[in-house]
Protein backbone atom coordinates (compact mmCIF):
# COMPACT_ATOMS: atom_id res chain seq x y z
CA UNK A 1 8.55 -21.81 -2.47
CA UNK A 2 9.77 -18.85 -4.36
CA UNK A 3 11.47 -16.21 -1.89
CA UNK A 4 11.82 -13.62 -4.53
CA UNK A 5 8.70 -11.88 -2.71
CA UNK A 6 10.94 -11.39 0.74
CA UNK A 7 13.54 -9.76 -0.97
CA UNK A 8 11.97 -6.64 -0.78
CA UNK A 9 13.43 -4.11 2.01
CA UNK A 10 10.56 -3.64 4.93
CA UNK A 11 8.89 -6.35 4.67
CA UNK A 12 8.16 -7.89 8.14
CA UNK A 13 8.02 -11.12 9.46
CA UNK A 14 7.03 -12.28 12.93
CA UNK A 15 9.39 -15.31 14.82
CA UNK A 16 7.04 -17.56 16.24
CA UNK A 17 9.58 -20.47 17.86
CA UNK A 18 13.51 -20.59 18.82
CA UNK A 19 15.80 -18.09 19.85
CA UNK A 20 13.76 -15.07 18.20
CA UNK A 21 10.26 -16.11 19.25
CA UNK A 22 7.96 -13.10 20.01
CA UNK A 23 9.77 -10.74 17.99
CA UNK A 24 9.48 -8.93 14.45
CA UNK A 25 12.15 -8.53 11.97
CA UNK A 26 12.18 -6.04 9.26
CA UNK A 27 14.03 -6.74 6.45
CA UNK A 28 17.10 -4.21 5.72
CA UNK A 29 18.79 -5.84 3.03
CA UNK A 30 19.35 -8.84 1.00
CA UNK A 31 23.04 -9.81 0.70
CA UNK A 32 24.03 -12.71 -1.75
CA UNK A 33 24.36 -15.43 1.33
CA UNK A 34 22.04 -13.51 4.36
CA UNK A 35 19.22 -11.86 4.65
CA UNK A 36 19.72 -8.52 6.90
CA UNK A 37 17.06 -7.92 9.57
CA UNK A 38 16.14 -5.01 12.16
CA UNK A 39 14.82 -7.08 14.87
CA UNK A 40 12.06 -5.50 16.81
CA UNK A 41 11.38 -4.81 19.88
CA UNK A 42 14.95 -5.75 20.52
CA UNK A 43 16.65 -3.08 17.89
CA UNK A 44 19.66 -5.10 16.95
CA UNK A 45 20.64 -6.04 13.41
CA UNK A 46 20.24 -9.77 13.20
CA UNK A 47 21.92 -11.62 9.58
CA UNK A 48 20.44 -14.93 9.28
CA UNK A 49 21.53 -17.14 6.18
CA UNK A 50 19.55 -17.57 3.17
CA UNK A 51 19.77 -21.37 3.49
CA UNK A 52 18.23 -20.68 7.51
CA UNK A 53 15.63 -18.26 6.50
CA UNK A 54 13.85 -20.28 3.32
CA UNK A 55 14.07 -23.22 6.14
CA UNK A 56 12.31 -21.04 9.19
CA UNK A 57 9.80 -20.12 6.41
CA UNK A 58 9.05 -23.79 5.07
CA UNK A 59 8.92 -25.16 8.57
CA UNK A 60 6.62 -22.22 9.95
CA UNK A 61 9.12 -20.54 12.10
CA UNK A 62 9.34 -17.25 10.36
CA UNK A 63 6.17 -16.07 8.81
CA UNK A 64 5.27 -13.09 6.66
CA UNK A 65 3.42 -10.42 8.45
CA UNK A 66 0.63 -8.26 7.20
CA UNK A 67 0.84 -5.33 9.59
CA UNK A 68 1.20 -2.07 8.57
CA UNK A 69 3.82 0.39 9.24
CA UNK A 70 1.15 2.22 11.51
CA UNK A 71 0.24 -0.75 13.49
CA UNK A 72 4.41 -1.85 13.86
CA UNK A 73 5.05 1.49 14.95
CA UNK A 74 1.74 1.77 17.63
CA UNK A 75 2.89 -1.76 18.82
CA UNK A 76 6.54 -0.92 19.26
CA UNK A 77 5.22 2.50 21.28
CA UNK A 78 2.51 0.21 22.96
CA UNK A 79 5.40 -1.29 25.03
CA UNK A 80 7.57 2.07 26.37
CA UNK A 81 6.90 1.61 29.40
CA UNK A 82 8.38 -1.88 29.66
CA UNK A 83 11.21 -0.24 28.07
CA UNK A 84 11.73 2.48 30.28
CA UNK A 85 11.31 -0.37 33.22
CA UNK A 86 13.99 -2.21 31.20
CA UNK A 87 16.52 0.67 31.18
CA UNK A 88 15.87 1.67 34.67
CA UNK A 89 16.45 -1.38 35.84
CA UNK A 90 19.83 -2.15 33.68
CA UNK A 91 21.04 1.19 35.35
CA UNK A 92 19.67 1.42 38.39
CA UNK A 93 20.33 -2.31 40.12
CA UNK A 94 22.00 -4.72 37.68
CA UNK A 95 24.73 -2.13 36.49
CA UNK A 96 25.37 -1.44 40.13
CA UNK A 97 25.27 -5.02 41.17
CA UNK A 98 28.12 -6.10 38.66
CA UNK A 99 29.95 -3.34 39.76
CA UNK A 100 29.98 -3.91 43.77
CA UNK A 101 30.22 -7.92 42.21
CA UNK A 102 33.79 -6.79 40.52
CA UNK A 103 35.15 -4.58 43.36
CA UNK A 104 34.44 -7.80 45.74
CA UNK A 105 35.95 -9.85 43.90
CA UNK A 106 39.19 -8.11 42.46
CA UNK A 107 39.94 -5.03 44.20
CA UNK A 108 39.72 -5.69 47.94
CA UNK A 109 40.94 -9.59 48.07
């Protein structure tokens, strides 16, 4: 399979298996040995070797997405409530629990 069609920035790929299953990858740039993506919805920069990417395409772990920019925009913002819930949980539950655990374990011994 020729990967020349995957070199244009802005192409979208859907990941179907593995650590990034359920995410969309937007191609940001192609370097000599890596593809650099922005993963959605987590909005993290991901670097994938050309070999791993090509293997993912061949095994259909990664599939080219035919979603338009507007469809991706709508999909992303349709999860706004999830993002807000996760943000609130992180700041109101997780962080305070971690800080309390730190103080309980190290400060008051």
